[in-house]
Structures are given as structure tokens and as C-alpha cells.
């Protein structure tokens, strides 16, 4: 885990937590949210049909229709330096995502707790943290990590992947590698 205060933009997301929450709750109330497995078969972890995702950006590609449904959230994530992917991650009550690792350490992961029942947790590199509504978590997903929701309610976080901040010339090399991925 990293200190979210090191990422100035996390403060603005936390300030807008309630607006972000209203946007995704309106979407959930009006339509069926697909599982990540329905959107992609990229990794084994995606096979979990209880992991629902409302995608705003996927690897830099904007979902125009979804961003129009969440204009406040979209404008906030667009301001994140090096933002690659932004989505709402919805984990069903009582479910867990098995331990897995990201493929490349040039990317960092950010979670903003949107709807977080007691019992929602994330474990990264052997350390466990509890998600909290309106609070940020930042981590390096190349460490083995898992998430769980030991409650009777769904857990919702705003999930963002962004370029790891690096100094020149490594930032240029990292950007090039990300373009090739």
C-alpha cells in the first residue's frame, strides 16, 4: 500500500465521494451491470460472474455512453495524470476475488470506497486493509492481492489504474511500454 496523500488528485475524489456515489447508484437502479467476464476474458480472475464492472475507460479507451451517465466521475478521473482505466468495481455480498497479480509494475491501482459494508477488505502483499466509504487506497498490483466482501450487501469502489509516477527518462520508457501493452 502507498500513502494516498502522495497523489494530490485523490483528495478531490474523496471530496466528491457523495456525487460519485449518486451517479453509480442511479446507473445500478436503471440498468443491469455486466460482469467483467462478459466484457473480457483477459485473466482467470475475470471468470468470477459476481464481479460486476461499470467501465468508464478501458486501457485509455473512453466509453462515451457510460461517461455520459457519470459526468462528475468522468471529469474527475480524466484529471488523473496517466489514467489508463477507470471503472466501478462491484463485488457481490459474501464473495471474494482470489489472489492474483498485475502483469507490470509501471501501473498503480487506486480504489475509492463508494459503498462499503463492514467486512469489505483488500489484502496486498500479505497486508490487509479495510475499504472505507469516501477514503482512498493506492497499491502496487504486481504484489499478490485479493479482495473480499464478508457482508450481506454489495461492495462498490471506484477503481482506477494509472501510470506509476517516475522521473525522466524512466517516465518516457514506462509510457512507451504501456503503449505496447
N, C-alpha and C. Protein backbone atom coordinates (compact mmCIF):
# COMPACT_ATOMS: atom_id res chain seq x y z
N UNK A 1 0.84 -1.18 0.00
CA UNK A 1 0.00 0.00 0.00
C UNK A 1 0.88 1.24 0.00
N UNK A 2 0.41 2.26 -0.66
CA UNK A 2 1.11 3.55 -0.65
C UNK A 2 0.22 4.57 0.04
N UNK A 3 0.81 5.67 0.46
CA UNK A 3 0.07 6.74 1.10
C UNK A 3 -0.69 7.51 0.02
N UNK A 4 -2.02 7.50 0.09
CA UNK A 4 -2.82 8.17 -0.94
C UNK A 4 -2.60 9.68 -0.94
N UNK A 5 -2.12 10.25 0.15
CA UNK A 5 -1.85 11.69 0.20
C UNK A 5 -0.74 12.10 -0.78
N UNK A 6 0.06 11.13 -1.22
CA UNK A 6 1.11 11.42 -2.19
C UNK A 6 0.54 11.71 -3.57
N UNK A 7 -0.74 11.43 -3.78
CA UNK A 7 -1.40 11.62 -5.07
C UNK A 7 -2.45 12.71 -4.87
N UNK A 8 -2.10 13.96 -5.21
CA UNK A 8 -2.92 15.12 -4.90
C UNK A 8 -4.37 14.97 -5.37
N UNK A 9 -4.56 14.28 -6.47
CA UNK A 9 -5.89 14.15 -7.07
C UNK A 9 -6.82 13.27 -6.23
N UNK A 10 -6.26 12.43 -5.35
CA UNK A 10 -7.13 11.57 -4.53
C UNK A 10 -7.98 12.42 -3.58
N UNK A 11 -7.45 13.56 -3.18
CA UNK A 11 -8.18 14.47 -2.30
C UNK A 11 -9.48 14.93 -2.96
N UNK A 12 -9.41 15.26 -4.26
CA UNK A 12 -10.60 15.76 -4.97
C UNK A 12 -11.63 14.65 -5.17
N UNK A 13 -11.17 13.43 -5.39
CA UNK A 13 -12.10 12.31 -5.49
C UNK A 13 -12.81 12.07 -4.16
N UNK A 14 -12.06 12.15 -3.07
CA UNK A 14 -12.67 11.97 -1.75
C UNK A 14 -13.70 13.07 -1.47
N UNK A 15 -13.38 14.31 -1.86
CA UNK A 15 -14.32 15.41 -1.66
C UNK A 15 -15.63 15.19 -2.41
N UNK A 16 -15.55 14.55 -3.57
CA UNK A 16 -16.72 14.33 -4.41
C UNK A 16 -17.34 12.94 -4.22
N UNK A 17 -16.96 12.27 -3.16
CA UNK A 17 -17.44 10.92 -2.89
C UNK A 17 -18.96 10.80 -3.01
N UNK A 18 -19.70 11.71 -2.41
CA UNK A 18 -21.17 11.62 -2.43
C UNK A 18 -21.72 11.79 -3.84
N UNK A 19 -21.17 12.71 -4.62
CA UNK A 19 -21.61 12.90 -6.01
C UNK A 19 -21.31 11.66 -6.84
N UNK A 20 -20.14 11.10 -6.65
CA UNK A 20 -19.75 9.88 -7.37
C UNK A 20 -20.70 8.74 -6.99
N UNK A 21 -21.00 8.63 -5.71
CA UNK A 21 -21.90 7.58 -5.23
C UNK A 21 -23.29 7.72 -5.85
N UNK A 22 -23.81 8.94 -5.90
CA UNK A 22 -25.14 9.16 -6.50
C UNK A 22 -25.15 8.74 -7.97
N UNK A 23 -24.07 9.02 -8.69
CA UNK A 23 -24.03 8.66 -10.11
C UNK A 23 -24.09 7.14 -10.31
N UNK A 24 -23.27 6.39 -9.59
CA UNK A 24 -23.26 4.95 -9.82
C UNK A 24 -24.53 4.31 -9.27
N UNK A 25 -25.08 4.81 -8.18
CA UNK A 25 -26.33 4.25 -7.66
C UNK A 25 -27.47 4.46 -8.66
N UNK A 26 -27.48 5.60 -9.35
CA UNK A 26 -28.50 5.85 -10.38
C UNK A 26 -28.35 4.87 -11.54
N UNK A 27 -27.12 4.58 -11.93
CA UNK A 27 -26.87 3.62 -13.00
C UNK A 27 -27.34 2.23 -12.58
N UNK A 28 -26.97 1.81 -11.38
CA UNK A 28 -27.35 0.49 -10.87
C UNK A 28 -28.88 0.35 -10.82
N UNK A 29 -29.56 1.43 -10.45
CA UNK A 29 -31.02 1.38 -10.35
C UNK A 29 -31.70 1.31 -11.71
N UNK A 30 -31.01 1.75 -12.77
CA UNK A 30 -31.66 1.86 -14.08
C UNK A 30 -31.24 0.80 -15.10
N UNK A 31 -30.18 0.05 -14.82
CA UNK A 31 -29.74 -0.93 -15.81
C UNK A 31 -28.99 -2.08 -15.16
N UNK A 32 -28.80 -3.14 -15.93
CA UNK A 32 -28.06 -4.30 -15.47
C UNK A 32 -26.57 -4.06 -15.74
N UNK A 33 -25.77 -4.22 -14.72
CA UNK A 33 -24.33 -4.02 -14.83
C UNK A 33 -23.70 -5.35 -15.21
N UNK A 34 -22.85 -5.36 -16.25
CA UNK A 34 -22.23 -6.63 -16.66
C UNK A 34 -21.10 -7.05 -15.74
N UNK A 35 -20.82 -8.34 -15.75
CA UNK A 35 -19.64 -8.82 -15.04
C UNK A 35 -18.43 -8.51 -15.92
N UNK A 36 -17.26 -8.46 -15.31
CA UNK A 36 -16.05 -8.23 -16.09
C UNK A 36 -15.84 -9.40 -17.04
N UNK A 37 -16.29 -10.59 -16.66
CA UNK A 37 -16.18 -11.76 -17.53
C UNK A 37 -16.94 -11.56 -18.84
N UNK A 38 -18.05 -10.82 -18.79
CA UNK A 38 -18.82 -10.55 -20.01
C UNK A 38 -18.11 -9.54 -20.91
N UNK A 39 -17.26 -8.72 -20.33
CA UNK A 39 -16.57 -7.68 -21.10
C UNK A 39 -15.24 -8.15 -21.66
N UNK A 40 -14.58 -9.09 -20.94
CA UNK A 40 -13.24 -9.52 -21.34
C UNK A 40 -12.94 -10.88 -20.72
N UNK A 41 -12.14 -11.65 -21.40
CA UNK A 41 -11.67 -12.91 -20.83
C UNK A 41 -10.15 -12.86 -20.66
N UNK A 42 -9.65 -11.69 -20.32
CA UNK A 42 -8.23 -11.40 -20.25
C UNK A 42 -7.47 -12.21 -19.20
N UNK A 43 -8.08 -12.44 -18.04
CA UNK A 43 -7.40 -13.14 -16.95
C UNK A 43 -8.33 -14.16 -16.31
N UNK A 44 -7.77 -15.13 -15.64
CA UNK A 44 -8.58 -16.12 -14.93
C UNK A 44 -9.46 -15.48 -13.87
N UNK A 45 -8.97 -14.44 -13.21
CA UNK A 45 -9.72 -13.80 -12.13
C UNK A 45 -11.05 -13.25 -12.65
N UNK A 46 -11.10 -12.92 -13.92
CA UNK A 46 -12.30 -12.32 -14.52
C UNK A 46 -13.43 -13.33 -14.60
N UNK A 47 -13.16 -14.60 -14.51
CA UNK A 47 -14.20 -15.62 -14.64
C UNK A 47 -15.27 -15.51 -13.55
N UNK A 48 -15.01 -14.76 -12.49
CA UNK A 48 -15.98 -14.60 -11.41
C UNK A 48 -17.15 -13.75 -11.91
N UNK A 49 -18.31 -14.37 -12.05
CA UNK A 49 -19.51 -13.69 -12.55
C UNK A 49 -20.09 -12.71 -11.53
N UNK A 50 -19.63 -12.76 -10.28
CA UNK A 50 -20.12 -11.86 -9.24
C UNK A 50 -19.32 -10.57 -9.15
N UNK A 51 -18.33 -10.41 -10.01
CA UNK A 51 -17.54 -9.18 -10.05
C UNK A 51 -18.09 -8.35 -11.19
N UNK A 52 -18.94 -7.39 -10.84
CA UNK A 52 -19.57 -6.54 -11.84
C UNK A 52 -18.75 -5.28 -12.05
N UNK A 53 -18.76 -4.77 -13.27
CA UNK A 53 -17.98 -3.57 -13.58
C UNK A 53 -18.75 -2.64 -14.49
N UNK A 54 -18.70 -1.37 -14.14
CA UNK A 54 -19.26 -0.33 -14.99
C UNK A 54 -18.06 0.47 -15.48
N UNK A 55 -17.66 0.20 -16.71
CA UNK A 55 -16.42 0.72 -17.29
C UNK A 55 -16.60 2.14 -17.82
N UNK A 56 -15.72 3.04 -17.41
CA UNK A 56 -15.67 4.40 -17.95
C UNK A 56 -14.56 4.50 -18.99
N UNK A 57 -13.39 3.99 -18.63
CA UNK A 57 -12.23 3.94 -19.51
C UNK A 57 -11.60 2.57 -19.39
N UNK A 58 -11.22 1.99 -20.50
CA UNK A 58 -10.51 0.72 -20.50
C UNK A 58 -9.23 0.86 -21.30
N UNK A 59 -8.10 0.83 -20.62
CA UNK A 59 -6.79 0.96 -21.26
C UNK A 59 -6.74 2.20 -22.15
N UNK A 60 -7.25 3.32 -21.61
CA UNK A 60 -7.20 4.59 -22.31
C UNK A 60 -8.35 4.83 -23.29
N UNK A 61 -9.20 3.84 -23.52
CA UNK A 61 -10.30 3.99 -24.46
C UNK A 61 -11.56 4.37 -23.67
N UNK A 62 -12.15 5.48 -24.06
CA UNK A 62 -13.30 6.03 -23.35
C UNK A 62 -14.59 5.35 -23.79
N UNK A 63 -15.41 4.99 -22.81
CA UNK A 63 -16.77 4.52 -23.07
C UNK A 63 -17.67 5.76 -23.02
N UNK A 64 -17.92 6.34 -24.17
CA UNK A 64 -18.68 7.59 -24.25
C UNK A 64 -20.03 7.47 -23.56
N UNK A 65 -20.76 6.39 -23.83
CA UNK A 65 -22.09 6.22 -23.26
C UNK A 65 -22.04 6.15 -21.74
N UNK A 66 -21.11 5.39 -21.20
CA UNK A 66 -21.00 5.26 -19.75
C UNK A 66 -20.53 6.55 -19.09
N UNK A 67 -19.60 7.25 -19.74
CA UNK A 67 -19.11 8.51 -19.17
C UNK A 67 -20.22 9.56 -19.13
N UNK A 68 -21.13 9.54 -20.09
CA UNK A 68 -22.27 10.48 -20.08
C UNK A 68 -23.20 10.21 -18.89
N UNK A 69 -23.27 8.96 -18.45
CA UNK A 69 -24.11 8.60 -17.31
C UNK A 69 -23.47 9.00 -15.98
N UNK A 70 -22.17 9.21 -15.99
CA UNK A 70 -21.42 9.57 -14.77
C UNK A 70 -20.51 10.76 -15.07
N UNK A 71 -21.08 11.94 -15.39
CA UNK A 71 -20.25 13.06 -15.84
C UNK A 71 -19.29 13.61 -14.78
N UNK A 72 -19.71 13.63 -13.52
CA UNK A 72 -18.82 14.13 -12.47
C UNK A 72 -17.64 13.19 -12.30
N UNK A 73 -17.94 11.90 -12.19
CA UNK A 73 -16.89 10.90 -12.03
C UNK A 73 -15.93 10.93 -13.21
N UNK A 74 -16.49 11.02 -14.41
CA UNK A 74 -15.66 11.02 -15.63
C UNK A 74 -14.72 12.21 -15.64
N UNK A 75 -15.22 13.38 -15.30
CA UNK A 75 -14.33 14.55 -15.32
C UNK A 75 -13.24 14.44 -14.26
N UNK A 76 -13.56 13.84 -13.12
CA UNK A 76 -12.55 13.66 -12.08
C UNK A 76 -11.46 12.67 -12.49
N UNK A 77 -11.86 11.52 -13.06
CA UNK A 77 -10.84 10.54 -13.43
C UNK A 77 -10.02 11.02 -14.63
N UNK A 78 -10.62 11.82 -15.50
CA UNK A 78 -9.88 12.36 -16.64
C UNK A 78 -8.75 13.29 -16.19
N UNK A 79 -8.86 13.84 -14.99
CA UNK A 79 -7.84 14.74 -14.45
C UNK A 79 -6.69 14.00 -13.77
N UNK A 80 -6.78 12.70 -13.65
CA UNK A 80 -5.72 11.92 -13.00
C UNK A 80 -4.57 11.75 -13.99
N UNK A 81 -3.38 12.21 -13.62
CA UNK A 81 -2.23 12.06 -14.53
C UNK A 81 -1.97 10.59 -14.86
N UNK A 82 -1.91 10.28 -16.15
CA UNK A 82 -1.59 8.93 -16.59
C UNK A 82 -2.70 7.92 -16.39
N UNK A 83 -3.95 8.38 -16.21
CA UNK A 83 -5.06 7.45 -16.02
C UNK A 83 -5.16 6.53 -17.23
N UNK A 84 -5.26 5.23 -16.97
CA UNK A 84 -5.36 4.22 -18.02
C UNK A 84 -6.74 3.57 -18.05
N UNK A 85 -7.24 3.19 -16.88
CA UNK A 85 -8.51 2.51 -16.75
C UNK A 85 -9.26 3.10 -15.57
N UNK A 86 -10.57 3.28 -15.74
CA UNK A 86 -11.42 3.76 -14.65
C UNK A 86 -12.75 3.04 -14.76
N UNK A 87 -13.20 2.49 -13.64
CA UNK A 87 -14.46 1.76 -13.64
C UNK A 87 -14.97 1.66 -12.22
N UNK A 88 -16.24 1.33 -12.10
CA UNK A 88 -16.80 0.99 -10.80
C UNK A 88 -16.71 -0.52 -10.68
N UNK A 89 -16.12 -0.97 -9.60
CA UNK A 89 -15.97 -2.39 -9.31
C UNK A 89 -16.98 -2.74 -8.23
N UNK A 90 -17.86 -3.68 -8.58
CA UNK A 90 -18.95 -4.05 -7.68
C UNK A 90 -18.80 -5.54 -7.35
N UNK A 91 -18.59 -5.81 -6.08
CA UNK A 91 -18.41 -7.20 -5.63
C UNK A 91 -19.63 -7.62 -4.83
N UNK A 92 -20.21 -8.74 -5.21
CA UNK A 92 -21.43 -9.24 -4.58
C UNK A 92 -21.22 -9.55 -3.10
N UNK A 93 -22.30 -9.54 -2.37
CA UNK A 93 -22.28 -9.89 -0.95
C UNK A 93 -21.71 -11.29 -0.76
N UNK A 94 -20.82 -11.41 0.23
CA UNK A 94 -20.27 -12.71 0.57
C UNK A 94 -19.25 -13.27 -0.41
N UNK A 95 -18.80 -12.49 -1.36
CA UNK A 95 -17.89 -13.01 -2.38
C UNK A 95 -16.45 -12.55 -2.14
N UNK A 96 -15.53 -13.25 -2.79
CA UNK A 96 -14.10 -12.91 -2.75
C UNK A 96 -13.52 -13.08 -4.14
N UNK A 97 -12.52 -12.28 -4.43
CA UNK A 97 -11.72 -12.48 -5.64
C UNK A 97 -10.42 -13.11 -5.19
N UNK A 98 -10.08 -14.22 -5.80
CA UNK A 98 -8.87 -14.97 -5.43
C UNK A 98 -7.63 -14.11 -5.61
N UNK A 99 -6.60 -14.50 -4.91
CA UNK A 99 -5.32 -13.80 -5.02
C UNK A 99 -4.84 -13.83 -6.46
N UNK A 100 -4.38 -12.67 -6.92
CA UNK A 100 -3.87 -12.52 -8.29
C UNK A 100 -2.86 -11.37 -8.28
N UNK A 101 -2.15 -11.21 -9.38
CA UNK A 101 -1.13 -10.15 -9.50
C UNK A 101 -1.23 -9.51 -10.86
N UNK A 102 -0.95 -8.20 -10.89
CA UNK A 102 -0.90 -7.48 -12.16
C UNK A 102 0.37 -7.84 -12.91
N UNK A 103 0.37 -7.65 -14.24
CA UNK A 103 1.50 -8.09 -15.06
C UNK A 103 2.67 -7.12 -15.13
N UNK A 104 2.48 -5.85 -14.72
CA UNK A 104 3.53 -4.85 -14.99
C UNK A 104 3.52 -3.78 -13.91
N UNK A 105 4.69 -3.49 -13.34
CA UNK A 105 4.73 -2.54 -12.23
C UNK A 105 4.82 -1.08 -12.67
N UNK A 106 4.59 -0.80 -13.93
CA UNK A 106 4.51 0.58 -14.40
C UNK A 106 3.13 1.17 -14.19
N UNK A 107 2.23 0.39 -13.61
CA UNK A 107 0.85 0.79 -13.33
C UNK A 107 0.60 0.71 -11.83
N UNK A 108 -0.14 1.67 -11.31
CA UNK A 108 -0.59 1.65 -9.92
C UNK A 108 -2.11 1.54 -9.92
N UNK A 109 -2.67 1.09 -8.80
CA UNK A 109 -4.12 0.95 -8.69
C UNK A 109 -4.63 1.82 -7.54
N UNK A 110 -5.75 2.46 -7.82
CA UNK A 110 -6.42 3.32 -6.85
C UNK A 110 -7.84 2.81 -6.62
N UNK A 111 -8.27 2.77 -5.37
CA UNK A 111 -9.66 2.46 -5.02
C UNK A 111 -10.22 3.60 -4.17
N UNK A 112 -11.41 4.05 -4.51
CA UNK A 112 -12.16 4.97 -3.65
C UNK A 112 -13.38 4.21 -3.17
N UNK A 113 -13.52 4.05 -1.87
CA UNK A 113 -14.68 3.36 -1.32
C UNK A 113 -15.96 4.14 -1.59
N UNK A 114 -16.90 3.53 -2.29
CA UNK A 114 -18.17 4.18 -2.61
C UNK A 114 -19.27 3.64 -1.70
N UNK A 115 -19.52 2.36 -1.76
CA UNK A 115 -20.46 1.70 -0.85
C UNK A 115 -19.68 0.56 -0.22
N UNK A 116 -19.40 0.70 1.04
CA UNK A 116 -18.50 -0.24 1.70
C UNK A 116 -19.13 -0.76 2.99
N UNK A 117 -19.73 -1.93 2.91
CA UNK A 117 -20.28 -2.52 4.13
C UNK A 117 -19.15 -3.03 5.03
N UNK A 118 -19.45 -3.16 6.31
CA UNK A 118 -18.48 -3.74 7.24
C UNK A 118 -18.12 -5.13 6.73
N UNK A 119 -16.86 -5.44 6.73
CA UNK A 119 -16.42 -6.75 6.26
C UNK A 119 -15.83 -6.73 4.87
N UNK A 120 -15.75 -5.55 4.22
CA UNK A 120 -15.11 -5.46 2.91
C UNK A 120 -13.62 -5.15 3.13
N UNK A 121 -12.77 -5.93 2.52
CA UNK A 121 -11.33 -5.83 2.75
C UNK A 121 -10.55 -6.02 1.46
N UNK A 122 -9.29 -5.61 1.53
CA UNK A 122 -8.33 -5.86 0.45
C UNK A 122 -7.03 -6.29 1.11
N UNK A 123 -6.39 -7.28 0.52
CA UNK A 123 -5.12 -7.78 1.03
C UNK A 123 -4.09 -7.64 -0.09
N UNK A 124 -2.98 -6.97 0.20
CA UNK A 124 -1.92 -6.74 -0.78
C UNK A 124 -0.59 -7.11 -0.15
N UNK A 125 0.13 -8.02 -0.79
CA UNK A 125 1.45 -8.41 -0.29
C UNK A 125 1.43 -8.84 1.16
N UNK A 126 0.37 -9.52 1.59
CA UNK A 126 0.28 -10.01 2.96
C UNK A 126 -0.29 -9.02 3.96
N UNK A 127 -0.53 -7.76 3.55
CA UNK A 127 -1.11 -6.76 4.44
C UNK A 127 -2.59 -6.57 4.10
N UNK A 128 -3.43 -6.49 5.12
CA UNK A 128 -4.86 -6.32 4.91
C UNK A 128 -5.28 -4.92 5.32
N UNK A 129 -6.13 -4.31 4.50
CA UNK A 129 -6.73 -3.01 4.80
C UNK A 129 -8.24 -3.13 4.60
N UNK A 130 -8.98 -2.32 5.33
CA UNK A 130 -10.42 -2.29 5.18
C UNK A 130 -10.79 -1.12 4.28
N UNK A 131 -11.63 -1.39 3.29
CA UNK A 131 -12.16 -0.29 2.50
C UNK A 131 -13.06 0.55 3.40
N UNK A 132 -13.06 1.87 3.17
CA UNK A 132 -13.92 2.78 3.91
C UNK A 132 -14.57 3.73 2.92
N UNK A 133 -15.84 4.02 3.15
CA UNK A 133 -16.55 4.93 2.26
C UNK A 133 -15.88 6.30 2.27
N UNK A 134 -15.66 6.82 1.05
CA UNK A 134 -15.07 8.13 0.89
C UNK A 134 -13.57 8.20 1.12
N UNK A 135 -12.94 7.05 1.29
CA UNK A 135 -11.50 7.01 1.55
C UNK A 135 -10.76 6.29 0.43
N UNK A 136 -9.51 6.70 0.23
CA UNK A 136 -8.68 6.19 -0.85
C UNK A 136 -7.72 5.11 -0.39
N UNK A 137 -7.46 4.18 -1.30
CA UNK A 137 -6.41 3.17 -1.13
C UNK A 137 -5.62 3.14 -2.44
N UNK A 138 -4.30 3.17 -2.34
CA UNK A 138 -3.43 3.07 -3.51
C UNK A 138 -2.47 1.91 -3.27
N UNK A 139 -2.27 1.10 -4.32
CA UNK A 139 -1.37 -0.03 -4.16
C UNK A 139 -0.73 -0.42 -5.49
N UNK A 140 0.33 -1.19 -5.36
CA UNK A 140 1.05 -1.76 -6.50
C UNK A 140 0.47 -3.15 -6.72
N UNK A 141 -0.23 -3.33 -7.83
CA UNK A 141 -0.93 -4.61 -8.02
C UNK A 141 -0.04 -5.73 -8.53
N UNK A 142 1.27 -5.49 -8.67
CA UNK A 142 2.15 -6.61 -9.01
C UNK A 142 2.40 -7.48 -7.78
N UNK A 143 2.09 -6.96 -6.60
CA UNK A 143 2.12 -7.80 -5.40
C UNK A 143 0.86 -8.65 -5.40
N UNK A 144 0.95 -9.89 -4.95
CA UNK A 144 -0.26 -10.72 -4.87
C UNK A 144 -1.32 -10.01 -4.02
N UNK A 145 -2.53 -9.94 -4.55
CA UNK A 145 -3.60 -9.26 -3.83
C UNK A 145 -4.93 -9.96 -4.05
N UNK A 146 -5.83 -9.76 -3.10
CA UNK A 146 -7.17 -10.33 -3.17
C UNK A 146 -8.11 -9.34 -2.48
N UNK A 147 -9.39 -9.49 -2.77
CA UNK A 147 -10.40 -8.65 -2.12
C UNK A 147 -11.55 -9.55 -1.68
N UNK A 148 -12.25 -9.09 -0.66
CA UNK A 148 -13.38 -9.85 -0.18
C UNK A 148 -14.45 -8.96 0.39
N UNK A 149 -15.65 -9.53 0.46
CA UNK A 149 -16.81 -8.82 0.96
C UNK A 149 -17.60 -9.78 1.85
N UNK A 150 -17.27 -9.80 3.12
CA UNK A 150 -17.93 -10.70 4.06
C UNK A 150 -19.16 -10.03 4.67
N UNK A 151 -20.02 -9.54 3.82
CA UNK A 151 -21.23 -8.86 4.30
C UNK A 151 -22.43 -9.36 3.52
N UNK A 152 -23.59 -8.82 3.82
CA UNK A 152 -24.82 -9.17 3.11
C UNK A 152 -25.20 -8.11 2.08
N UNK A 153 -24.27 -7.19 1.80
CA UNK A 153 -24.52 -6.12 0.84
C UNK A 153 -23.40 -6.09 -0.21
N UNK A 154 -23.67 -5.48 -1.36
CA UNK A 154 -22.63 -5.35 -2.37
C UNK A 154 -21.61 -4.30 -1.93
N UNK A 155 -20.39 -4.47 -2.39
CA UNK A 155 -19.31 -3.53 -2.15
C UNK A 155 -19.00 -2.82 -3.47
N UNK A 156 -18.94 -1.48 -3.45
CA UNK A 156 -18.64 -0.71 -4.65
C UNK A 156 -17.42 0.17 -4.40
N UNK A 157 -16.44 0.09 -5.29
CA UNK A 157 -15.31 1.02 -5.26
C UNK A 157 -15.12 1.60 -6.65
N UNK A 158 -14.64 2.82 -6.70
CA UNK A 158 -14.16 3.39 -7.95
C UNK A 158 -12.73 2.87 -8.11
N UNK A 159 -12.48 2.18 -9.20
CA UNK A 159 -11.21 1.50 -9.47
C UNK A 159 -10.53 2.26 -10.60
N UNK A 160 -9.29 2.69 -10.37
CA UNK A 160 -8.52 3.42 -11.39
C UNK A 160 -7.12 2.83 -11.48
N UNK A 161 -6.69 2.57 -12.70
CA UNK A 161 -5.28 2.23 -12.95
C UNK A 161 -4.64 3.46 -13.57
N UNK A 162 -3.44 3.80 -13.07
CA UNK A 162 -2.74 4.98 -13.58
C UNK A 162 -1.25 4.70 -13.67
N UNK A 163 -0.59 5.45 -14.54
CA UNK A 163 0.85 5.28 -14.72
C UNK A 163 1.58 5.56 -13.41
N UNK A 164 2.52 4.68 -13.10
CA UNK A 164 3.36 4.90 -11.92
C UNK A 164 4.17 6.19 -12.15
N UNK A 165 4.13 7.12 -11.21
CA UNK A 165 4.93 8.35 -11.38
C UNK A 165 6.42 8.02 -11.31
N UNK A 166 7.12 8.36 -12.35
CA UNK A 166 8.56 8.11 -12.44
C UNK A 166 9.27 9.36 -12.93
N UNK A 167 10.55 9.45 -12.64
CA UNK A 167 11.36 10.56 -13.14
C UNK A 167 11.84 10.28 -14.55
N UNK A 168 12.21 11.35 -15.23
CA UNK A 168 12.78 11.25 -16.57
C UNK A 168 14.13 10.54 -16.47
N UNK A 169 14.48 9.64 -17.32
CA UNK A 169 13.82 9.23 -18.55
C UNK A 169 12.90 8.01 -18.38
N UNK A 170 12.82 7.49 -17.13
CA UNK A 170 12.02 6.28 -16.91
C UNK A 170 10.53 6.51 -17.21
N UNK A 171 10.05 7.74 -17.00
CA UNK A 171 8.64 8.01 -17.29
C UNK A 171 8.36 7.84 -18.79
N UNK A 172 9.31 8.21 -19.63
CA UNK A 172 9.14 8.07 -21.09
C UNK A 172 9.18 6.59 -21.47
N UNK A 173 10.09 5.85 -20.88
CA UNK A 173 10.20 4.42 -21.16
C UNK A 173 8.92 3.71 -20.71
N UNK A 174 8.43 4.07 -19.51
CA UNK A 174 7.20 3.45 -19.00
C UNK A 174 6.02 3.75 -19.93
N UNK A 175 5.89 4.97 -20.37
CA UNK A 175 4.78 5.34 -21.27
C UNK A 175 4.85 4.53 -22.56
N UNK A 176 6.06 4.34 -23.07
CA UNK A 176 6.26 3.57 -24.30
C UNK A 176 5.84 2.11 -24.08
N UNK A 177 6.26 1.53 -22.95
CA UNK A 177 5.88 0.14 -22.65
C UNK A 177 4.37 0.03 -22.55
N UNK A 178 3.72 1.00 -21.90
CA UNK A 178 2.26 0.95 -21.79
C UNK A 178 1.57 1.04 -23.15
N UNK A 179 2.14 1.78 -24.06
CA UNK A 179 1.57 1.85 -25.40
C UNK A 179 1.66 0.50 -26.12
N UNK A 180 2.69 -0.27 -25.81
CA UNK A 180 2.89 -1.58 -26.44
C UNK A 180 2.01 -2.66 -25.84
N UNK A 181 1.53 -2.43 -24.63
CA UNK A 181 0.74 -3.47 -23.93
C UNK A 181 -0.66 -3.59 -24.50
